[in-house]
Amino acid sequence: MSAESGPSLAEAKNSGRKVLLAAPRGYCAGVERAIEAVEKAIEVRGQPVYVRREIVHNRHVVEDLQGRGAIFVEEADEVPRGETVVFSAHGVAPTVHEEAAERNLQAIDATCPLVTKVHNEAKRYAKEGYQILLIGHEGHEEVVGTAGEAPDHITIVDGPAHAREIDIPGEKLAWLSQTTLSVDETMETVEILRSRFPHLVDPPSDDICYATQNRQTAVKILAERCDLLIVVGSANSSNSVRLVEVALQAGARSSIRVDDPKELPKNILDGVTTVGVTSGASVPELLVTRVLDWLAERGYADIEEVAAMEETLVFSLPKELRTRNRAKAARA
């Protein structure tokens, strides 16, 4: 039977083919907050609302917000003076805030609170005279923003290999990390650094965000049971890319990251009985549904959700929008 017509549900189940659907998956609290911040800014301040860089790393989300009246720019100096600009969930350096103020921009900071925590740790360690080893990917927006908090005190460490060769002077050393890294690789990097610098100080709490860790934990569970693991997410999404790496390290025979099912190779299901499906923390559930529909058309209609844990964390909107909401309520 052709993929276009598709097998019946009974036929699909009898074939032994099945889908393991990871939980949790998709949006984290920081992403939901950032997207809602842009939507709310358009609602209360009108079009256009400018957004510096991608609000979250997902092409579909960005295109949807563009359709609602958001204009995405690379830098704050591209925003007309006096207009509204939203800073992305990944955080920005203090110089970006200063530039926005100089241009009299109405800035809304949608930085994820967990990223803000790392910024605050960087400022505190720098104030106390520490040199900071920031574990993360060179050039990633989050890393650029965190490093900008204390550029004279921060050295970026891009993975275990870099940790083996980096040379950093000083008796006061501390480490921090990008929030969207592989937990296992980060710990490997830390252990290498600690073996070379025994006086290295740990951050007060884990920097890798809860959602990143939870999605990686769920993927490890799926990887042991599936032949192929599909990760829905954009190529510039660090946490989505890490999920593929985690799946392969945890035993999945094959893993692939796609934005949507159009990117799946025609022969990707050859020899595959069980498919795992998950999505990065900036991915709307609609895109996961499209992949599940694509799989169902090809005989993988039996879906089992595999829950690693439940997430309940919610972040309030940026203070600039909370103030506006309170003012509107008072006038009502």
C-alpha atoms as a PDB file:
ATOM      1  CA  MET A   1       0.000   0.000   0.000  1.00  0.00           C
ATOM      2  CA  SER A   2       1.349   3.469  -0.871  1.00  0.00           C
ATOM      3  CA  ALA A   3       2.360   6.060   1.724  1.00  0.00           C
ATOM      4  CA  GLU A   4      -0.124   8.447   0.136  1.00  0.00           C
ATOM      5  CA  SER A   5      -3.165   6.266   0.856  1.00  0.00           C
ATOM      6  CA  GLY A   6      -1.731   4.960   4.106  1.00  0.00           C
ATOM      7  CA  PRO A   7      -2.468   1.740   6.022  1.00  0.00           C
ATOM      8  CA  SER A   8      -5.376   1.416   8.415  1.00  0.00           C
ATOM      9  CA  LEU A   9      -4.734   1.804  12.148  1.00  0.00           C
ATOM     10  CA  ALA A  10      -5.251  -1.940  12.648  1.00  0.00           C
ATOM     11  CA  GLU A  11      -2.775  -2.749   9.883  1.00  0.00           C
ATOM     12  CA  ALA A  12      -0.243  -0.350  11.358  1.00  0.00           C
ATOM     13  CA  LYS A  13      -0.498  -1.913  14.815  1.00  0.00           C
ATOM     14  CA  ASN A  14      -0.277  -5.449  13.448  1.00  0.00           C
ATOM     15  CA  SER A  15       2.926  -4.542  11.610  1.00  0.00           C
ATOM     16  CA  GLY A  16       4.759  -4.088  14.920  1.00  0.00           C
ATOM     17  CA  ARG A  17       5.762  -0.573  13.942  1.00  0.00           C
ATOM     18  CA  LYS A  18       5.389   1.978  16.689  1.00  0.00           C
ATOM     19  CA  VAL A  19       6.354   5.458  17.821  1.00  0.00           C
ATOM     20  CA  LEU A  20       7.752   6.314  21.239  1.00  0.00           C
ATOM     21  CA  LEU A  21       6.888   9.926  21.997  1.00  0.00           C
ATOM     22  CA  ALA A  22       9.079  11.654  24.572  1.00  0.00           C
ATOM     23  CA  ALA A  23       7.692  13.618  27.477  1.00  0.00           C
ATOM     24  CA  PRO A  24       8.650  16.262  28.288  1.00  0.00           C
ATOM     25  CA  ARG A  25       9.352  17.785  24.897  1.00  0.00           C
ATOM     26  CA  GLY A  26       8.881  21.138  23.194  1.00  0.00           C
ATOM     27  CA  TYR A  27       8.451  24.510  24.807  1.00  0.00           C
ATOM     28  CA  CYS A  28      10.132  25.235  28.116  1.00  0.00           C
ATOM     29  CA  ALA A  29       9.004  27.992  30.470  1.00  0.00           C
ATOM     30  CA  GLY A  30      11.639  30.432  29.208  1.00  0.00           C
ATOM     31  CA  VAL A  31      10.617  29.978  25.578  1.00  0.00           C
ATOM     32  CA  GLU A  32       6.907  30.328  26.360  1.00  0.00           C
ATOM     33  CA  ARG A  33       7.667  33.540  28.255  1.00  0.00           C
ATOM     34  CA  ALA A  34       9.757  34.999  25.415  1.00  0.00           C
ATOM     35  CA  ILE A  35       7.198  34.252  22.703  1.00  0.00           C
ATOM     36  CA  GLU A  36       4.365  35.570  24.842  1.00  0.00           C
ATOM     37  CA  ALA A  37       6.419  38.714  25.486  1.00  0.00           C
ATOM     38  CA  VAL A  38       6.563  39.504  21.761  1.00  0.00           C
ATOM     39  CA  GLU A  39       2.866  38.747  21.300  1.00  0.00           C
ATOM     40  CA  LYS A  40       1.905  40.890  24.300  1.00  0.00           C
ATOM     41  CA  ALA A  41       4.176  43.737  23.187  1.00  0.00           C
ATOM     42  CA  ILE A  42       2.450  43.814  19.795  1.00  0.00           C
ATOM     43  CA  GLU A  43      -0.932  43.768  21.532  1.00  0.00           C
ATOM     44  CA  VAL A  44      -0.265  46.633  23.963  1.00  0.00           C
ATOM     45  CA  ARG A  45       2.194  48.769  21.998  1.00  0.00           C
ATOM     46  CA  GLY A  46       0.999  48.149  18.472  1.00  0.00           C
ATOM     47  CA  GLN A  47       2.862  47.250  15.297  1.00  0.00           C
ATOM     48  CA  PRO A  48       5.666  47.135  14.595  1.00  0.00           C
ATOM     49  CA  VAL A  49       7.585  45.682  17.500  1.00  0.00           C
ATOM     50  CA  TYR A  50      11.263  45.079  16.804  1.00  0.00           C
ATOM     51  CA  VAL A  51      13.084  41.984  18.067  1.00  0.00           C
ATOM     52  CA  ARG A  52      16.863  41.806  18.304  1.00  0.00           C
ATOM     53  CA  ARG A  53      17.937  38.468  16.813  1.00  0.00           C
ATOM     54  CA  GLU A  54      15.648  35.428  16.822  1.00  0.00           C
ATOM     55  CA  ILE A  55      13.469  35.531  19.937  1.00  0.00           C
ATOM     56  CA  VAL A  56      14.036  31.757  20.203  1.00  0.00           C
ATOM     57  CA  HIS A  57      15.949  29.506  17.833  1.00  0.00           C
ATOM     58  CA  ASN A  58      13.105  28.167  15.730  1.00  0.00           C
ATOM     59  CA  ARG A  59      12.393  29.218  12.165  1.00  0.00           C
ATOM     60  CA  HIS A  60       8.657  28.518  12.331  1.00  0.00           C
ATOM     61  CA  VAL A  61       8.204  30.587  15.501  1.00  0.00           C
ATOM     62  CA  VAL A  62      10.063  33.514  13.957  1.00  0.00           C
ATOM     63  CA  GLU A  63       8.014  33.374  10.759  1.00  0.00           C
ATOM     64  CA  ASP A  64       4.763  33.238  12.754  1.00  0.00           C
ATOM     65  CA  LEU A  65       5.718  36.308  14.797  1.00  0.00           C
ATOM     66  CA  GLN A  66       6.725  38.160  11.641  1.00  0.00           C
ATOM     67  CA  GLY A  67       3.226  37.554  10.353  1.00  0.00           C
ATOM     68  CA  ARG A  68       1.827  39.123  13.537  1.00  0.00           C
ATOM     69  CA  GLY A  69       3.852  42.322  13.184  1.00  0.00           C
ATOM     70  CA  ALA A  70       7.310  41.610  14.616  1.00  0.00           C
ATOM     71  CA  ILE A  71      10.362  42.879  12.753  1.00  0.00           C
ATOM     72  CA  PHE A  72      13.582  40.989  13.455  1.00  0.00           C
ATOM     73  CA  VAL A  73      16.893  42.838  13.333  1.00  0.00           C
ATOM     74  CA  GLU A  74      20.474  41.874  14.034  1.00  0.00           C
ATOM     75  CA  GLU A  75      21.443  44.840  16.192  1.00  0.00           C
ATOM     76  CA  ALA A  76      19.702  47.552  18.204  1.00  0.00           C
ATOM     77  CA  ASP A  77      21.083  50.302  15.955  1.00  0.00           C
ATOM     78  CA  GLU A  78      18.742  49.047  13.200  1.00  0.00           C
ATOM     79  CA  VAL A  79      15.695  49.962  15.314  1.00  0.00           C
ATOM     80  CA  PRO A  80      14.280  53.468  14.710  1.00  0.00           C
ATOM     81  CA  ARG A  81      14.764  55.774  17.671  1.00  0.00           C
ATOM     82  CA  GLY A  82      12.028  55.624  20.284  1.00  0.00           C
ATOM     83  CA  GLU A  83      10.533  52.333  19.046  1.00  0.00           C
ATOM     84  CA  THR A  84       9.959  49.145  21.042  1.00  0.00           C
ATOM     85  CA  VAL A  85      12.609  46.412  20.946  1.00  0.00           C
ATOM     86  CA  VAL A  86      12.475  42.970  22.564  1.00  0.00           C
ATOM     87  CA  PHE A  87      15.678  41.206  23.578  1.00  0.00           C
ATOM     88  CA  SER A  88      15.680  37.460  22.926  1.00  0.00           C
ATOM     89  CA  ALA A  89      15.498  34.618  25.431  1.00  0.00           C
ATOM     90  CA  HIS A  90      19.237  34.017  25.036  1.00  0.00           C
ATOM     91  CA  GLY A  91      20.214  37.230  26.822  1.00  0.00           C
ATOM     92  CA  VAL A  92      22.356  40.176  25.759  1.00  0.00           C
ATOM     93  CA  ALA A  93      25.512  41.887  26.972  1.00  0.00           C
ATOM     94  CA  PRO A  94      25.290  45.146  28.959  1.00  0.00           C
ATOM     95  CA  THR A  95      26.554  47.045  25.909  1.00  0.00           C
ATOM     96  CA  VAL A  96      23.321  46.153  24.088  1.00  0.00           C
ATOM     97  CA  HIS A  97      21.218  47.620  26.907  1.00  0.00           C
ATOM     98  CA  GLU A  98      23.391  50.749  26.808  1.00  0.00           C
ATOM     99  CA  GLU A  99      22.957  51.123  23.050  1.00  0.00           C
ATOM    100  CA  ALA A 100      19.185  50.749  23.376  1.00  0.00           C
ATOM    101  CA  ALA A 101      19.095  53.436  26.072  1.00  0.00           C
ATOM    102  CA  GLU A 102      21.170  55.802  23.928  1.00  0.00           C
ATOM    103  CA  ARG A 103      18.635  55.405  21.117  1.00  0.00           C
ATOM    104  CA  ASN A 104      15.724  55.943  23.526  1.00  0.00           C
ATOM    105  CA  LEU A 105      14.337  52.519  22.663  1.00  0.00           C
ATOM    106  CA  GLN A 106      11.527  51.065  24.741  1.00  0.00           C
ATOM    107  CA  ALA A 107      13.342  47.852  25.653  1.00  0.00           C
ATOM    108  CA  ILE A 108      11.606  44.674  26.811  1.00  0.00           C
ATOM    109  CA  ASP A 109      14.034  42.107  28.180  1.00  0.00           C
ATOM    110  CA  ALA A 110      12.757  38.587  27.432  1.00  0.00           C
ATOM    111  CA  THR A 111      15.950  36.899  28.643  1.00  0.00           C
ATOM    112  CA  CYS A 112      15.164  33.531  30.208  1.00  0.00           C
ATOM    113  CA  PRO A 113      15.404  33.893  34.004  1.00  0.00           C
ATOM    114  CA  LEU A 114      17.735  30.885  34.089  1.00  0.00           C
ATOM    115  CA  VAL A 115      20.117  32.698  31.727  1.00  0.00           C
ATOM    116  CA  THR A 116      19.827  35.809  33.878  1.00  0.00           C
ATOM    117  CA  LYS A 117      20.936  33.661  36.825  1.00  0.00           C
ATOM    118  CA  VAL A 118      24.159  32.796  34.981  1.00  0.00           C
ATOM    119  CA  HIS A 119      24.701  36.485  34.146  1.00  0.00           C
ATOM    120  CA  ASN A 120      24.362  37.347  37.821  1.00  0.00           C
ATOM    121  CA  GLU A 121      26.814  34.605  38.791  1.00  0.00           C
ATOM    122  CA  ALA A 122      29.328  35.954  36.269  1.00  0.00           C
ATOM    123  CA  LYS A 123      29.027  39.475  37.684  1.00  0.00           C
ATOM    124  CA  ARG A 124      29.416  38.230  41.255  1.00  0.00           C
ATOM    125  CA  TYR A 125      32.479  36.086  40.536  1.00  0.00           C
ATOM    126  CA  ALA A 126      34.104  38.923  38.586  1.00  0.00           C
ATOM    127  CA  LYS A 127      33.453  41.360  41.432  1.00  0.00           C
ATOM    128  CA  GLU A 128      35.134  38.905  43.816  1.00  0.00           C
ATOM    129  CA  GLY A 129      38.221  38.770  41.595  1.00  0.00           C
ATOM    130  CA  TYR A 130      37.715  35.353  39.989  1.00  0.00           C
ATOM    131  CA  GLN A 131      38.716  34.370  36.498  1.00  0.00           C
ATOM    132  CA  ILE A 132      35.705  32.540  35.015  1.00  0.00           C
ATOM    133  CA  LEU A 133      35.828  29.545  32.696  1.00  0.00           C
ATOM    134  CA  LEU A 134      32.574  29.750  30.739  1.00  0.00           C
ATOM    135  CA  ILE A 135      31.785  26.358  29.200  1.00  0.00           C
ATOM    136  CA  GLY A 136      29.852  26.909  25.983  1.00  0.00           C
ATOM    137  CA  HIS A 137      29.941  27.220  22.232  1.00  0.00           C
ATOM    138  CA  GLU A 138      31.981  30.110  20.887  1.00  0.00           C
ATOM    139  CA  GLY A 139      29.720  32.588  19.086  1.00  0.00           C
ATOM    140  CA  HIS A 140      26.418  31.296  20.503  1.00  0.00           C
ATOM    141  CA  GLU A 141      24.200  34.225  21.467  1.00  0.00           C
ATOM    142  CA  GLU A 142      23.843  33.104  25.065  1.00  0.00           C
ATOM    143  CA  VAL A 143      27.601  32.763  25.479  1.00  0.00           C
ATOM    144  CA  VAL A 144      28.221  36.165  23.894  1.00  0.00           C
ATOM    145  CA  GLY A 145      25.712  37.755  26.255  1.00  0.00           C
ATOM    146  CA  THR A 146      27.129  36.105  29.391  1.00  0.00           C
ATOM    147  CA  ALA A 147      30.738  36.873  28.432  1.00  0.00           C
ATOM    148  CA  GLY A 148      29.751  40.493  27.919  1.00  0.00           C
ATOM    149  CA  GLU A 149      28.946  40.817  31.628  1.00  0.00           C
ATOM    150  CA  ALA A 150      32.629  40.563  32.565  1.00  0.00           C
ATOM    151  CA  PRO A 151      34.769  40.355  29.411  1.00  0.00           C
ATOM    152  CA  ASP A 152      38.071  40.851  31.268  1.00  0.00           C
ATOM    153  CA  HIS A 153      37.310  37.948  33.598  1.00  0.00           C
ATOM    154  CA  ILE A 154      35.774  35.346  31.266  1.00  0.00           C
ATOM    155  CA  THR A 155      37.460  32.735  29.094  1.00  0.00           C
ATOM    156  CA  ILE A 156      35.260  30.517  26.927  1.00  0.00           C
ATOM    157  CA  VAL A 157      35.889  26.770  27.043  1.00  0.00           C
ATOM    158  CA  ASP A 158      34.342  25.057  24.028  1.00  0.00           C
ATOM    159  CA  GLY A 159      34.173  21.401  25.058  1.00  0.00           C
ATOM    160  CA  PRO A 160      36.471  18.701  26.482  1.00  0.00           C
ATOM    161  CA  ALA A 161      39.213  19.029  23.848  1.00  0.00           C
ATOM    162  CA  HIS A 162      39.508  22.751  24.501  1.00  0.00           C
ATOM    163  CA  ALA A 163      39.568  22.108  28.254  1.00  0.00           C
ATOM    164  CA  ARG A 164      42.674  19.933  27.854  1.00  0.00           C
ATOM    165  CA  GLU A 165      44.718  22.660  26.205  1.00  0.00           C
ATOM    166  CA  ILE A 166      43.474  25.929  27.663  1.00  0.00           C
ATOM    167  CA  ASP A 167      45.891  27.862  29.870  1.00  0.00           C
ATOM    168  CA  ILE A 168      44.477  30.246  32.437  1.00  0.00           C
ATOM    169  CA  PRO A 169      46.506  32.008  35.150  1.00  0.00           C
ATOM    170  CA  GLY A 170      45.350  32.862  38.633  1.00  0.00           C
ATOM    171  CA  GLU A 171      44.518  31.193  41.917  1.00  0.00           C
ATOM    172  CA  LYS A 172      40.840  32.177  41.903  1.00  0.00           C
ATOM    173  CA  LEU A 173      39.051  30.187  39.214  1.00  0.00           C
ATOM    174  CA  ALA A 174      35.353  29.421  38.836  1.00  0.00           C
ATOM    175  CA  TRP A 175      33.320  27.788  36.099  1.00  0.00           C
ATOM    176  CA  LEU A 176      29.909  28.545  34.621  1.00  0.00           C
ATOM    177  CA  SER A 177      28.125  27.072  31.605  1.00  0.00           C
ATOM    178  CA  GLN A 178      25.757  27.794  28.776  1.00  0.00           C
ATOM    179  CA  THR A 179      22.294  26.576  29.797  1.00  0.00           C
ATOM    180  CA  THR A 180      21.584  24.416  26.730  1.00  0.00           C
ATOM    181  CA  LEU A 181      24.584  22.083  26.660  1.00  0.00           C
ATOM    182  CA  SER A 182      24.781  18.310  26.904  1.00  0.00           C
ATOM    183  CA  VAL A 183      24.842  17.508  30.611  1.00  0.00           C
ATOM    184  CA  ASP A 184      27.263  14.607  30.147  1.00  0.00           C
ATOM    185  CA  GLU A 185      29.687  16.551  27.950  1.00  0.00           C
ATOM    186  CA  THR A 186      29.623  19.513  30.323  1.00  0.00           C
ATOM    187  CA  MET A 187      30.483  17.290  33.283  1.00  0.00           C
ATOM    188  CA  GLU A 188      33.298  15.714  31.253  1.00  0.00           C
ATOM    189  CA  THR A 189      34.625  19.194  30.513  1.00  0.00           C
ATOM    190  CA  VAL A 190      34.406  20.173  34.185  1.00  0.00           C
ATOM    191  CA  GLU A 191      36.289  17.053  35.297  1.00  0.00           C
ATOM    192  CA  ILE A 192      39.085  17.775  32.819  1.00  0.00           C
ATOM    193  CA  LEU A 193      39.296  21.357  34.057  1.00  0.00           C
ATOM    194  CA  ARG A 194      39.255  20.211  37.679  1.00  0.00           C
ATOM    195  CA  SER A 195      42.092  17.742  37.059  1.00  0.00           C
ATOM    196  CA  ARG A 196      44.186  20.614  35.694  1.00  0.00           C
ATOM    197  CA  PHE A 197      42.968  23.276  38.133  1.00  0.00           C
ATOM    198  CA  PRO A 198      42.126  21.575  41.472  1.00  0.00           C
ATOM    199  CA  HIS A 199      41.155  24.916  43.018  1.00  0.00           C
ATOM    200  CA  LEU A 200      38.323  25.393  40.478  1.00  0.00           C
ATOM    201  CA  VAL A 201      35.148  26.628  42.189  1.00  0.00           C
ATOM    202  CA  ASP A 202      31.695  25.295  41.238  1.00  0.00           C
ATOM    203  CA  PRO A 203      28.702  27.575  40.645  1.00  0.00           C
ATOM    204  CA  PRO A 204      26.212  27.671  43.525  1.00  0.00           C
ATOM    205  CA  SER A 205      23.729  25.635  41.478  1.00  0.00           C
ATOM    206  CA  ASP A 206      23.645  23.778  38.162  1.00  0.00           C
ATOM    207  CA  ASP A 207      23.653  26.196  35.213  1.00  0.00           C
ATOM    208  CA  ILE A 208      22.215  23.799  32.618  1.00  0.00           C
ATOM    209  CA  CYS A 209      18.501  24.518  32.608  1.00  0.00           C
ATOM    210  CA  TYR A 210      15.912  22.078  33.934  1.00  0.00           C
ATOM    211  CA  ALA A 211      14.248  21.723  30.521  1.00  0.00           C
ATOM    212  CA  THR A 212      17.502  20.864  28.762  1.00  0.00           C
ATOM    213  CA  GLN A 213      18.264  18.200  31.372  1.00  0.00           C
ATOM    214  CA  ASN A 214      14.726  16.790  31.335  1.00  0.00           C
ATOM    215  CA  ARG A 215      14.636  16.472  27.544  1.00  0.00           C
ATOM    216  CA  GLN A 216      18.020  14.780  27.531  1.00  0.00           C
ATOM    217  CA  THR A 217      16.876  12.355  30.240  1.00  0.00           C
ATOM    218  CA  ALA A 218      13.773  11.478  28.212  1.00  0.00           C
ATOM    219  CA  VAL A 219      15.871  10.923  25.094  1.00  0.00           C
ATOM    220  CA  LYS A 220      18.177   8.538  26.947  1.00  0.00           C
ATOM    221  CA  ILE A 221      15.162   6.447  27.924  1.00  0.00           C
ATOM    222  CA  LEU A 222      13.878   6.394  24.343  1.00  0.00           C
ATOM    223  CA  ALA A 223      17.278   5.663  22.813  1.00  0.00           C
ATOM    224  CA  GLU A 224      17.449   2.275  24.501  1.00  0.00           C
ATOM    225  CA  ARG A 225      14.175   1.226  22.876  1.00  0.00           C
ATOM    226  CA  CYS A 226      14.191   2.702  19.368  1.00  0.00           C
ATOM    227  CA  ASP A 227      15.940   2.127  16.052  1.00  0.00           C
ATOM    228  CA  LEU A 228      15.640   5.757  14.970  1.00  0.00           C
ATOM    229  CA  LEU A 229      15.146   8.896  17.025  1.00  0.00           C
ATOM    230  CA  ILE A 230      13.777  12.002  15.311  1.00  0.00           C
ATOM    231  CA  VAL A 231      14.444  15.346  16.974  1.00  0.00           C
ATOM    232  CA  VAL A 232      12.242  18.209  15.800  1.00  0.00           C
ATOM    233  CA  GLY A 233      14.129  21.489  16.010  1.00  0.00           C
ATOM    234  CA  SER A 234      16.069  24.080  14.028  1.00  0.00           C
ATOM    235  CA  ALA A 235      19.739  23.735  13.118  1.00  0.00           C
ATOM    236  CA  ASN A 236      20.714  26.799  15.183  1.00  0.00           C
ATOM    237  CA  SER A 237      18.969  25.453  18.285  1.00  0.00           C
ATOM    238  CA  SER A 238      21.749  24.266  20.597  1.00  0.00           C
ATOM    239  CA  ASN A 239      19.479  22.167  22.790  1.00  0.00           C
ATOM    240  CA  SER A 240      17.931  20.434  19.747  1.00  0.00           C
ATOM    241  CA  VAL A 241      21.338  19.573  18.273  1.00  0.00           C
ATOM    242  CA  ARG A 242      22.446  18.243  21.649  1.00  0.00           C
ATOM    243  CA  LEU A 243      19.446  15.883  21.751  1.00  0.00           C
ATOM    244  CA  VAL A 244      20.714  14.109  18.621  1.00  0.00           C
ATOM    245  CA  GLU A 245      24.145  13.713  20.202  1.00  0.00           C
ATOM    246  CA  VAL A 246      22.648  12.424  23.454  1.00  0.00           C
ATOM    247  CA  ALA A 247      20.491   9.901  21.572  1.00  0.00           C
ATOM    248  CA  LEU A 248      23.447   8.436  19.704  1.00  0.00           C
ATOM    249  CA  GLN A 249      25.597   8.294  22.840  1.00  0.00           C
ATOM    250  CA  ALA A 250      22.755   6.555  24.690  1.00  0.00           C
ATOM    251  CA  GLY A 251      22.473   3.759  22.132  1.00  0.00           C
ATOM    252  CA  ALA A 252      20.069   4.867  19.405  1.00  0.00           C
ATOM    253  CA  ARG A 253      21.059   3.221  16.138  1.00  0.00           C
ATOM    254  CA  SER A 254      20.300   6.413  14.255  1.00  0.00           C
ATOM    255  CA  SER A 255      19.130   9.946  15.041  1.00  0.00           C
ATOM    256  CA  ILE A 256      18.268  12.952  12.910  1.00  0.00           C
ATOM    257  CA  ARG A 257      17.225  16.550  13.525  1.00  0.00           C
ATOM    258  CA  VAL A 258      14.648  18.175  11.231  1.00  0.00           C
ATOM    259  CA  ASP A 259      12.591  21.360  11.235  1.00  0.00           C
ATOM    260  CA  ASP A 260       9.614  19.519   9.733  1.00  0.00           C
ATOM    261  CA  PRO A 261       8.881  16.202   7.964  1.00  0.00           C
ATOM    262  CA  LYS A 262       9.787  17.639   4.547  1.00  0.00           C
ATOM    263  CA  GLU A 263      13.428  17.301   5.597  1.00  0.00           C
ATOM    264  CA  LEU A 264      13.190  13.572   6.372  1.00  0.00           C
ATOM    265  CA  PRO A 265      14.994  11.408   3.750  1.00  0.00           C
ATOM    266  CA  LYS A 266      12.738   9.046   1.802  1.00  0.00           C
ATOM    267  CA  ASN A 267      14.612   5.948   2.973  1.00  0.00           C
ATOM    268  CA  ILE A 268      14.950   7.018   6.617  1.00  0.00           C
ATOM    269  CA  LEU A 269      12.533   4.288   7.768  1.00  0.00           C
ATOM    270  CA  ASP A 270      14.231   1.392   5.977  1.00  0.00           C
ATOM    271  CA  GLY A 271      14.709  -1.425   8.492  1.00  0.00           C
ATOM    272  CA  VAL A 272      13.142   0.626  11.290  1.00  0.00           C
ATOM    273  CA  THR A 273      10.520  -0.885  13.592  1.00  0.00           C
ATOM    274  CA  THR A 274      10.452   1.598  16.480  1.00  0.00           C
ATOM    275  CA  VAL A 275      10.801   5.364  16.033  1.00  0.00           C
ATOM    276  CA  GLY A 276      11.430   7.762  18.890  1.00  0.00           C
ATOM    277  CA  VAL A 277      10.202  11.340  18.544  1.00  0.00           C
ATOM    278  CA  THR A 278      11.047  14.385  20.620  1.00  0.00           C
ATOM    279  CA  SER A 279      11.532  18.114  20.134  1.00  0.00           C
ATOM    280  CA  GLY A 280      13.781  20.880  21.354  1.00  0.00           C
ATOM    281  CA  ALA A 281      12.747  23.456  23.929  1.00  0.00           C
ATOM    282  CA  SER A 282      11.862  26.092  21.320  1.00  0.00           C
ATOM    283  CA  VAL A 283       9.623  23.898  19.154  1.00  0.00           C
ATOM    284  CA  PRO A 284       5.815  24.300  18.950  1.00  0.00           C
ATOM    285  CA  GLU A 285       3.820  21.093  19.334  1.00  0.00           C
ATOM    286  CA  LEU A 286       2.281  21.626  15.878  1.00  0.00           C
ATOM    287  CA  LEU A 287       5.602  20.657  14.294  1.00  0.00           C
ATOM    288  CA  VAL A 288       5.754  17.438  16.317  1.00  0.00           C
ATOM    289  CA  THR A 289       2.207  16.627  15.203  1.00  0.00           C
ATOM    290  CA  ARG A 290       3.260  17.033  11.571  1.00  0.00           C
ATOM    291  CA  VAL A 291       6.049  14.498  12.058  1.00  0.00           C
ATOM    292  CA  LEU A 292       3.656  12.077  13.782  1.00  0.00           C
ATOM    293  CA  ASP A 293       1.197  12.439  10.890  1.00  0.00           C
ATOM    294  CA  TRP A 294       4.025  11.763   8.416  1.00  0.00           C
ATOM    295  CA  LEU A 295       4.964   8.618  10.324  1.00  0.00           C
ATOM    296  CA  ALA A 296       1.333   7.461  10.560  1.00  0.00           C
ATOM    297  CA  GLU A 297       0.990   7.707   6.783  1.00  0.00           C
ATOM    298  CA  ARG A 298       3.881   5.251   6.546  1.00  0.00           C
ATOM    299  CA  GLY A 299       2.539   2.687   8.996  1.00  0.00           C
ATOM    300  CA  TYR A 300       3.750   4.099  12.318  1.00  0.00           C
ATOM    301  CA  ALA A 301       0.401   5.002  13.842  1.00  0.00           C
ATOM    302  CA  ASP A 302       0.807   3.194  17.178  1.00  0.00           C
ATOM    303  CA  ILE A 303       2.035   5.902  19.589  1.00  0.00           C
ATOM    304  CA  GLU A 304       3.245   5.330  23.140  1.00  0.00           C
ATOM    305  CA  GLU A 305       4.121   8.382  25.220  1.00  0.00           C
ATOM    306  CA  VAL A 306       7.154   7.771  27.409  1.00  0.00           C
ATOM    307  CA  ALA A 307       7.155  10.179  30.345  1.00  0.00           C
ATOM    308  CA  ALA A 308      10.420  10.839  32.130  1.00  0.00           C
ATOM    309  CA  MET A 309       9.038  13.527  34.440  1.00  0.00           C
ATOM    310  CA  GLU A 310       6.420  16.271  34.649  1.00  0.00           C
ATOM    311  CA  GLU A 311       7.197  19.962  34.235  1.00  0.00           C
ATOM    312  CA  THR A 312       5.162  22.628  36.011  1.00  0.00           C
ATOM    313  CA  LEU A 313       7.468  25.675  36.070  1.00  0.00           C
ATOM    314  CA  VAL A 314       6.004  28.931  34.724  1.00  0.00           C
ATOM    315  CA  PHE A 315       7.769  32.306  34.419  1.00  0.00           C
ATOM    316  CA  SER A 316       5.955  35.634  34.619  1.00  0.00           C
ATOM    317  CA  LEU A 317       6.196  38.118  31.757  1.00  0.00           C
ATOM    318  CA  PRO A 318       9.061  40.655  31.651  1.00  0.00           C
ATOM    319  CA  LYS A 319       8.533  43.478  34.142  1.00  0.00           C
ATOM    320  CA  GLU A 320       7.968  46.043  31.379  1.00  0.00           C
ATOM    321  CA  LEU A 321       4.859  44.171  30.259  1.00  0.00           C
ATOM    322  CA  ARG A 322       3.667  43.359  33.779  1.00  0.00           C
ATOM    323  CA  THR A 323       3.695  47.091  34.586  1.00  0.00           C
ATOM    324  CA  ARG A 324       1.648  47.852  31.496  1.00  0.00           C
ATOM    325  CA  ASN A 325      -0.849  45.108  32.386  1.00  0.00           C
ATOM    326  CA  ARG A 326      -1.310  46.530  35.881  1.00  0.00           C
ATOM    327  CA  ALA A 327      -1.857  50.015  34.463  1.00  0.00           C
ATOM    328  CA  LYS A 328      -4.500  48.710  32.062  1.00  0.00           C
ATOM    329  CA  ALA A 329      -6.259  46.863  34.898  1.00  0.00           C
ATOM    330  CA  ALA A 330      -6.291  50.023  37.034  1.00  0.00           C
ATOM    331  CA  ARG A 331      -7.957  52.028  34.241  1.00  0.00           C
ATOM    332  CA  ALA A 332     -10.604  49.361  33.639  1.00  0.00           C
END
